[in-house]
Amino acid sequence: MNLFGKVTKASLTLLASLGITLANATENMPGGPAVNQINFAAPATKIMEQIHGLHIMMLIICAVIFIGVFGVMFYAILKHRKSLGHKSASFHESTTVEIIWTVVPLLIVIGMALPATKTVVAMKDTTNSDITIKVTGYQWKWGYDYIKGEGEGINFLSTLSTSREAINNLAPKSNTYLMEVDNEMVVPVGKKIRLITTANDVIHSWTIPAFGVKQDAIPGFVRDTWFRADQIGTFRGQCSELCGAEHAFMPIVVKVVSPEDYTAWVADKQKAMTAGGEDPAKVYTLEEQKARGEKVYAANCAACHQPNGKGAGAFPALDGDKVVNGPKAAQFYILLNGKNAMPKWGGVLSDADIAAVITYTRNAWGNHTGEVIQTQEIITAHSGK
């Protein structure tokens, strides 16, 4: 094949791949935004239905005012212009006009405020909830703790599951690109879910457009909101408060299931948590801990310290770090209690996961301490004994 043929074939291949990419980009995202969407997300709660209604009502009122005011203005300009022989009138104040343009806008504002206030009050009424979930924002993931109702005691982290290869355009992108997680929040349909929001580091904002929910998560403060999903399905949102370099990479996914499926999910989750995956007294080999620790690191640490351990911004490089390569007690303390931009992982990750990720960081990249950290060591450090 000559050079022209090779170039042509390469060009066609590129155009074909581009066509596939564009085709994927024009698919509706399940539970997320639709192609050419110009309105709010389709409502999945009564509150969002009310927000939709308010939006349409306000839009109609504004359109009528716009057409009325500008219609009269342009009519007066065109039909009473000087070129047609009209002369401007000379008059002073009119009590009737003053009353009209004061009373009419007041009535319009009251007509808009009453239904809006009713909806806002309903949005803030978190009483009589069936399930209460604490939502904690981290840089850059979400933590969920089921603290009341069916599922009480369940807790887990929810992290972006889109691969770095896809983000860096080195792998195909799915139609849920940047809006997919490894652990979804699961709730039953038709139940009132109260959310208590806070944050571990900076201000985040928990948002699901289809639910009509947008609640800031602020460090040191506890806020709350609620929703009751009326339909089964998966619904997606994102952090809506600029929270740092990875702000675009902390999606929110809520899976609404039937009460029966929710009960089964709770049973499976509680069984897994009770089992803990292993005996805390079990002794692991270096390779076993490194393999598990690599997965824990990729899910929870790589976003800040980078997959290659080189660090970025406020997050130091772990490759060659004096703490990682020094006495292990210092690294135990930082992971369990946090330091500066480093969040507190004690109580968030399991002791077994913390032991595994410490083992991995102390034996990855250019670090070769040869130390194997066991779960029991973290339990001892955690208890302060």
Protein backbone atom coordinates (compact mmCIF):
# COMPACT_ATOMS: atom_id res chain seq x y z
CA MET A 1 0.00 0.00 0.00
CA ASN A 2 1.40 3.42 -0.93
CA LEU A 3 1.73 6.35 1.44
CA PHE A 4 -1.49 7.96 0.20
CA GLY A 5 -3.40 4.73 0.81
CA LYS A 6 -1.99 4.41 4.33
CA VAL A 7 -2.89 8.00 5.16
CA THR A 8 -6.38 7.55 3.74
CA LYS A 9 -6.92 4.35 5.72
CA ALA A 10 -5.66 6.01 8.90
CA SER A 11 -7.95 8.99 8.27
CA LEU A 12 -10.98 6.76 7.74
CA THR A 13 -10.14 4.81 10.91
CA LEU A 14 -9.88 8.08 12.86
CA LEU A 15 -13.17 9.36 11.44
CA ALA A 16 -14.85 6.05 12.25
CA SER A 17 -13.62 6.14 15.84
CA LEU A 18 -14.66 9.79 16.10
CA GLY A 19 -18.09 8.84 14.80
CA ILE A 20 -18.40 6.15 17.46
CA THR A 21 -17.34 8.64 20.14
CA LEU A 22 -19.86 11.21 18.94
CA ALA A 23 -22.55 8.55 18.78
CA ASN A 24 -21.85 7.58 22.39
CA ALA A 25 -21.86 11.24 23.40
CA THR A 26 -25.37 11.69 22.00
CA GLU A 27 -26.99 8.93 24.04
CA ASN A 28 -29.20 9.82 26.97
CA MET A 29 -27.54 9.02 30.28
CA PRO A 30 -29.62 6.57 32.36
CA GLY A 31 -30.79 8.54 35.37
CA GLY A 32 -28.83 11.59 34.24
CA PRO A 33 -29.05 14.40 31.68
CA ALA A 34 -30.69 13.80 28.29
CA VAL A 35 -29.47 14.87 24.87
CA ASN A 36 -30.49 18.46 24.04
CA GLN A 37 -32.14 18.81 27.44
CA ILE A 38 -33.30 22.38 28.02
CA ASN A 39 -35.60 21.88 31.00
CA PHE A 40 -35.06 20.53 34.50
CA ALA A 41 -34.53 16.81 35.03
CA ALA A 42 -37.67 14.68 34.83
CA PRO A 43 -39.16 14.67 38.35
CA ALA A 44 -38.92 11.54 40.48
CA THR A 45 -40.41 13.11 43.64
CA LYS A 46 -43.46 15.21 44.48
CA ILE A 47 -41.19 18.10 45.49
CA MET A 48 -39.53 18.11 42.09
CA GLU A 49 -42.96 18.06 40.44
CA GLN A 50 -43.84 21.18 42.44
CA ILE A 51 -40.55 22.81 41.40
CA HIS A 52 -41.40 22.04 37.76
CA GLY A 53 -44.85 23.60 38.20
CA LEU A 54 -43.39 26.71 39.86
CA HIS A 55 -40.84 27.04 37.09
CA ILE A 56 -43.50 26.95 34.37
CA MET A 57 -45.78 29.32 36.30
CA MET A 58 -42.97 31.86 36.86
CA LEU A 59 -41.93 31.58 33.22
CA ILE A 60 -45.49 32.28 32.02
CA ILE A 61 -45.90 35.24 34.39
CA CYS A 62 -42.56 36.72 33.30
CA ALA A 63 -43.42 36.17 29.63
CA VAL A 64 -46.82 37.90 30.03
CA ILE A 65 -45.21 40.86 31.82
CA PHE A 66 -42.48 41.07 29.18
CA ILE A 67 -44.96 40.98 26.29
CA GLY A 68 -47.33 43.43 28.01
CA VAL A 69 -44.72 46.02 28.98
CA PHE A 70 -42.69 45.92 25.80
CA GLY A 71 -45.83 45.60 23.64
CA VAL A 72 -47.27 48.82 25.05
CA MET A 73 -43.88 50.53 24.84
CA PHE A 74 -43.26 49.63 21.20
CA TYR A 75 -46.87 50.41 20.25
CA ALA A 76 -46.51 53.88 21.78
CA ILE A 77 -43.17 54.42 20.04
CA LEU A 78 -44.47 53.37 16.60
CA LYS A 79 -47.99 54.84 16.65
CA HIS A 80 -47.27 58.08 18.49
CA ARG A 81 -43.96 59.12 17.00
CA LYS A 82 -43.19 62.69 16.01
CA SER A 83 -42.98 61.85 12.30
CA LEU A 84 -46.72 61.14 12.33
CA GLY A 85 -47.45 64.55 13.78
CA HIS A 86 -47.92 63.52 17.39
CA LYS A 87 -46.82 65.83 20.18
CA SER A 88 -45.78 64.76 23.62
CA ALA A 89 -48.32 65.31 26.37
CA SER A 90 -47.48 67.50 29.31
CA PHE A 91 -48.88 66.24 32.62
CA HIS A 92 -47.88 65.62 36.22
CA GLU A 93 -48.56 62.72 38.61
CA SER A 94 -51.68 60.58 38.42
CA THR A 95 -52.93 59.05 41.65
CA THR A 96 -54.80 56.35 39.74
CA VAL A 97 -51.69 55.29 37.82
CA GLU A 98 -49.61 55.31 41.01
CA ILE A 99 -52.11 53.02 42.73
CA ILE A 100 -52.34 50.66 39.73
CA TRP A 101 -48.60 50.21 39.27
CA THR A 102 -48.18 49.61 43.00
CA VAL A 103 -51.09 47.24 43.61
CA VAL A 104 -50.76 45.11 40.47
CA PRO A 105 -47.06 44.18 41.01
CA LEU A 106 -47.83 43.51 44.68
CA LEU A 107 -50.58 41.07 43.72
CA ILE A 108 -48.28 39.40 41.21
CA VAL A 109 -45.52 38.98 43.83
CA ILE A 110 -48.01 37.56 46.35
CA GLY A 111 -49.35 35.17 43.71
CA MET A 112 -45.81 33.95 43.03
CA ALA A 113 -44.69 33.86 46.66
CA LEU A 114 -47.53 31.79 48.15
CA PRO A 115 -46.99 28.54 46.17
CA ALA A 116 -43.20 29.01 46.29
CA THR A 117 -43.25 29.39 50.07
CA LYS A 118 -45.42 26.30 50.41
CA THR A 119 -42.88 24.27 48.43
CA VAL A 120 -39.87 25.66 50.33
CA VAL A 121 -41.50 24.84 53.67
CA ALA A 122 -42.22 21.30 52.46
CA MET A 123 -38.59 20.94 51.33
CA LYS A 124 -37.42 21.74 54.86
CA ASP A 125 -39.82 19.40 56.68
CA THR A 126 -37.61 16.43 57.57
CA THR A 127 -39.91 15.07 60.30
CA ASN A 128 -41.37 11.56 60.32
CA SER A 129 -38.68 10.09 58.11
CA ASP A 130 -38.48 6.34 57.55
CA ILE A 131 -34.70 6.17 57.08
CA THR A 132 -31.97 8.63 58.09
CA ILE A 133 -28.65 8.65 56.26
CA LYS A 134 -25.63 10.75 57.17
CA VAL A 135 -23.84 12.02 54.06
CA THR A 136 -20.23 13.18 54.46
CA GLY A 137 -18.33 14.94 51.70
CA TYR A 138 -14.63 14.19 51.28
CA GLN A 139 -12.06 15.37 48.76
CA TRP A 140 -13.23 13.72 46.55
CA LYS A 141 -15.81 11.09 47.41
CA TRP A 142 -18.96 10.63 49.49
CA GLY A 143 -19.41 8.70 52.71
CA TYR A 144 -22.80 7.22 53.64
CA ASP A 145 -23.84 6.12 57.15
CA TYR A 146 -27.31 4.65 57.64
CA ILE A 147 -28.03 5.82 61.17
CA LYS A 148 -31.77 5.23 61.62
CA GLY A 149 -34.40 2.94 60.18
CA GLU A 150 -33.98 -0.24 58.16
CA GLY A 151 -30.31 -0.62 57.33
CA GLU A 152 -29.08 1.07 60.50
CA GLY A 153 -25.34 0.51 60.95
CA ILE A 154 -24.49 0.23 57.26
CA ASN A 155 -21.71 2.56 56.13
CA PHE A 156 -19.54 2.79 53.03
CA LEU A 157 -17.66 5.17 50.73
CA SER A 158 -18.86 6.01 47.22
CA THR A 159 -16.10 6.85 44.74
CA LEU A 160 -15.98 7.65 41.03
CA SER A 161 -15.59 4.40 39.08
CA THR A 162 -14.70 5.91 35.69
CA SER A 163 -11.16 4.78 34.90
CA ARG A 164 -8.27 7.22 34.61
CA GLU A 165 -7.63 5.80 31.15
CA ALA A 166 -11.11 6.93 30.03
CA ILE A 167 -10.64 10.35 31.66
CA ASN A 168 -7.32 10.75 29.82
CA ASN A 169 -8.91 9.64 26.51
CA LEU A 170 -6.93 6.39 26.49
CA ALA A 171 -10.00 4.15 26.75
CA PRO A 172 -13.62 4.24 25.53
CA LYS A 173 -16.10 6.30 27.54
CA SER A 174 -19.37 4.80 28.73
CA ASN A 175 -22.68 6.68 28.54
CA THR A 176 -22.42 7.24 32.31
CA TYR A 177 -18.95 8.80 31.99
CA LEU A 178 -17.98 10.68 35.19
CA MET A 179 -21.43 9.91 36.65
CA GLU A 180 -20.78 6.36 37.87
CA VAL A 181 -19.62 5.09 41.26
CA ASP A 182 -18.37 1.90 42.85
CA ASN A 183 -20.97 1.97 45.69
CA GLU A 184 -24.40 3.47 45.08
CA MET A 185 -26.66 4.80 47.80
CA VAL A 186 -29.60 2.38 47.89
CA VAL A 187 -33.04 3.39 49.20
CA PRO A 188 -36.56 1.90 49.01
CA VAL A 189 -39.21 3.47 46.79
CA GLY A 190 -42.00 5.39 48.52
CA LYS A 191 -40.12 5.90 51.79
CA LYS A 192 -39.15 9.27 53.26
CA ILE A 193 -35.36 9.48 53.37
CA ARG A 194 -33.80 12.10 55.63
CA LEU A 195 -30.26 13.16 54.73
CA ILE A 196 -27.92 14.70 57.29
CA THR A 197 -25.07 16.40 55.46
CA THR A 198 -21.64 17.47 56.67
CA ALA A 199 -18.10 17.50 55.28
CA ASN A 200 -14.68 16.35 56.35
CA ASP A 201 -12.56 19.05 54.70
CA VAL A 202 -14.17 21.78 52.54
CA ILE A 203 -17.72 22.69 51.50
CA HIS A 204 -19.38 20.18 49.17
CA SER A 205 -22.96 20.03 47.94
CA TRP A 206 -25.06 16.86 47.61
CA THR A 207 -27.34 17.21 44.59
CA ILE A 208 -29.76 14.97 42.71
CA PRO A 209 -31.73 17.09 40.18
CA ALA A 210 -34.51 14.51 39.69
CA PHE A 211 -35.26 14.62 43.44
CA GLY A 212 -35.20 18.42 43.69
CA VAL A 213 -32.46 18.11 46.33
CA LYS A 214 -29.40 20.34 46.63
CA GLN A 215 -27.94 20.57 50.13
CA ASP A 216 -24.53 21.97 51.10
CA ALA A 217 -22.26 19.80 53.23
CA ILE A 218 -20.20 22.13 55.44
CA PRO A 219 -17.31 21.11 57.76
CA GLY A 220 -18.29 21.51 61.41
CA PHE A 221 -21.99 21.97 60.61
CA VAL A 222 -24.91 19.58 60.26
CA ARG A 223 -27.57 20.35 57.65
CA ASP A 224 -30.51 18.19 56.65
CA THR A 225 -32.90 17.64 53.76
CA TRP A 226 -35.14 14.83 52.52
CA PHE A 227 -36.67 13.11 49.54
CA ARG A 228 -39.22 10.41 48.78
CA ALA A 229 -38.66 8.75 45.41
CA ASP A 230 -41.88 7.79 43.65
CA GLN A 231 -40.36 5.49 41.07
CA ILE A 232 -37.79 2.71 40.91
CA GLY A 233 -34.62 3.49 39.02
CA THR A 234 -31.12 4.91 39.19
CA PHE A 235 -30.69 8.68 39.57
CA ARG A 236 -27.48 10.64 39.16
CA GLY A 237 -26.06 13.95 40.33
CA GLN A 238 -22.75 15.60 41.17
CA CYS A 239 -21.16 17.73 43.84
CA SER A 240 -22.45 21.24 43.11
CA GLU A 241 -19.95 23.24 45.16
CA LEU A 242 -16.47 23.95 43.80
CA CYS A 243 -14.41 21.89 46.24
CA GLY A 244 -10.96 21.46 44.71
CA ALA A 245 -9.02 20.01 41.81
CA GLU A 246 -11.12 16.82 41.59
CA HIS A 247 -14.47 18.60 42.00
CA ALA A 248 -15.70 17.24 38.66
CA PHE A 249 -14.93 13.69 39.77
CA MET A 250 -17.26 13.14 42.74
CA PRO A 251 -20.61 11.99 41.34
CA ILE A 252 -23.66 10.94 43.33
CA VAL A 253 -25.69 7.88 42.35
CA VAL A 254 -28.87 6.81 44.14
CA LYS A 255 -30.49 3.48 43.33
CA VAL A 256 -34.18 3.33 44.21
CA VAL A 257 -35.46 -0.23 44.60
CA SER A 258 -38.58 -2.03 45.77
CA PRO A 259 -39.01 -2.57 49.54
CA GLU A 260 -38.29 -6.28 49.05
CA ASP A 261 -35.09 -5.63 47.11
CA TYR A 262 -34.03 -3.06 49.69
CA THR A 263 -34.49 -5.57 52.52
CA ALA A 264 -32.37 -8.07 50.59
CA TRP A 265 -29.68 -5.42 49.97
CA VAL A 266 -29.61 -4.53 53.67
CA ALA A 267 -29.22 -8.18 54.62
CA ASP A 268 -26.35 -8.68 52.17
CA LYS A 269 -24.63 -5.47 53.26
CA GLN A 270 -24.94 -6.25 56.96
CA LYS A 271 -23.71 -9.78 56.42
CA ALA A 272 -20.64 -8.49 54.59
CA MET A 273 -19.97 -5.92 57.32
CA THR A 274 -20.44 -8.45 60.12
CA ALA A 275 -18.11 -10.90 58.45
CA GLY A 276 -15.64 -8.09 57.79
CA GLY A 277 -14.31 -10.19 54.96
CA GLU A 278 -11.81 -11.95 57.27
CA ASP A 279 -10.68 -12.77 60.78
CA PRO A 280 -8.95 -9.70 62.31
CA ALA A 281 -6.34 -12.01 63.81
CA LYS A 282 -5.47 -13.54 60.44
CA VAL A 283 -1.87 -13.06 59.30
CA TYR A 284 -1.37 -12.09 55.65
CA THR A 285 1.66 -12.39 53.42
CA LEU A 286 3.31 -9.38 51.83
CA GLU A 287 1.89 -10.16 48.40
CA GLU A 288 -1.63 -10.62 49.75
CA GLN A 289 -1.56 -7.26 51.54
CA LYS A 290 0.01 -5.49 48.57
CA ALA A 291 -2.65 -6.82 46.20
CA ARG A 292 -5.49 -5.70 48.46
CA GLY A 293 -3.77 -2.45 49.35
CA GLU A 294 -3.35 -1.53 45.70
CA LYS A 295 -7.13 -1.70 45.21
CA VAL A 296 -7.79 0.35 48.36
CA TYR A 297 -5.23 2.93 47.24
CA ALA A 298 -6.73 3.22 43.75
CA ALA A 299 -10.23 3.76 45.17
CA ASN A 300 -9.38 6.16 47.99
CA CYS A 301 -5.90 7.66 47.68
CA ALA A 302 -4.88 7.88 44.03
CA ALA A 303 -7.04 10.93 43.31
CA CYS A 304 -4.84 13.03 45.63
CA HIS A 305 -1.46 11.29 45.75
CA GLN A 306 -1.65 10.13 42.09
CA PRO A 307 -1.54 6.48 40.97
CA ASN A 308 2.26 6.63 40.72
CA GLY A 309 2.62 8.03 44.25
CA LYS A 310 4.20 11.28 43.07
CA GLY A 311 1.73 13.57 44.86
CA ALA A 312 0.13 16.81 43.70
CA GLY A 313 -0.44 20.24 45.24
CA ALA A 314 -1.04 20.01 48.97
CA PHE A 315 -0.70 16.22 48.87
CA PRO A 316 2.91 15.02 49.24
CA ALA A 317 4.58 12.34 47.19
CA LEU A 318 4.45 8.95 48.88
CA ASP A 319 7.22 7.55 46.73
CA GLY A 320 10.32 8.09 48.88
CA ASP A 321 8.40 9.90 51.62
CA LYS A 322 10.14 9.87 55.00
CA VAL A 323 6.92 9.06 56.88
CA VAL A 324 6.03 6.15 54.60
CA ASN A 325 9.57 4.81 54.84
CA GLY A 326 10.03 5.66 58.52
CA PRO A 327 8.59 4.18 61.73
CA LYS A 328 5.16 2.74 60.94
CA ALA A 329 3.51 4.25 64.02
CA ALA A 330 3.70 7.71 62.43
CA GLN A 331 1.89 6.52 59.30
CA PHE A 332 -0.70 4.72 61.44
CA TYR A 333 -1.47 7.97 63.25
CA ILE A 334 -1.86 10.05 60.06
CA LEU A 335 -4.19 7.57 58.36
CA LEU A 336 -6.32 7.07 61.46
CA ASN A 337 -6.55 10.72 62.50
CA GLY A 338 -5.78 12.76 59.38
CA LYS A 339 -3.38 15.67 58.96
CA ASN A 340 -3.80 18.99 57.11
CA ALA A 341 -5.49 18.17 53.77
CA MET A 342 -5.34 14.44 54.56
CA PRO A 343 -8.77 13.23 55.76
CA LYS A 344 -9.31 11.01 58.76
CA TRP A 345 -9.66 7.44 57.53
CA GLY A 346 -10.17 5.76 60.92
CA GLY A 347 -13.81 4.72 61.07
CA VAL A 348 -14.21 5.36 57.33
CA LEU A 349 -12.08 2.53 55.98
CA SER A 350 -11.99 -0.81 57.80
CA ASP A 351 -8.93 -1.63 59.90
CA ALA A 352 -8.13 -4.40 57.45
CA ASP A 353 -8.18 -1.99 54.49
CA ILE A 354 -5.98 0.50 56.35
CA ALA A 355 -3.46 -2.23 57.13
CA ALA A 356 -3.44 -3.31 53.50
CA VAL A 357 -3.02 0.18 52.03
CA ILE A 358 -0.19 1.02 54.44
CA THR A 359 1.54 -2.20 53.45
CA TYR A 360 1.11 -1.28 49.79
CA THR A 361 2.48 2.26 50.12
CA ARG A 362 5.48 1.04 52.11
CA ASN A 363 6.33 -1.49 49.41
CA ALA A 364 5.27 0.21 46.15
CA TRP A 365 7.09 2.37 43.62
CA GLY A 366 10.54 3.09 45.07
CA ASN A 367 9.56 2.10 48.62
CA HIS A 368 10.82 -1.31 49.73
CA THR A 369 10.54 -1.55 53.52
CA GLY A 370 9.53 -5.22 53.33
CA GLU A 371 7.12 -4.66 56.24
CA VAL A 372 3.73 -6.38 56.29
CA ILE A 373 1.14 -4.52 58.34
CA GLN A 374 -1.49 -6.80 59.89
CA THR A 375 -5.07 -5.88 60.81
CA GLN A 376 -4.42 -6.44 64.52
CA GLU A 377 -1.74 -3.72 64.51
CA ILE A 378 -4.26 -1.16 63.26
CA ILE A 379 -6.84 -2.30 65.80
CA THR A 380 -4.25 -1.79 68.55
CA ALA A 381 -3.26 1.63 67.20
CA HIS A 382 -6.92 2.57 66.81
CA SER A 383 -7.69 1.74 70.42
CA GLY A 384 -4.62 3.68 71.63
CA LYS A 385 -3.21 0.71 73.48
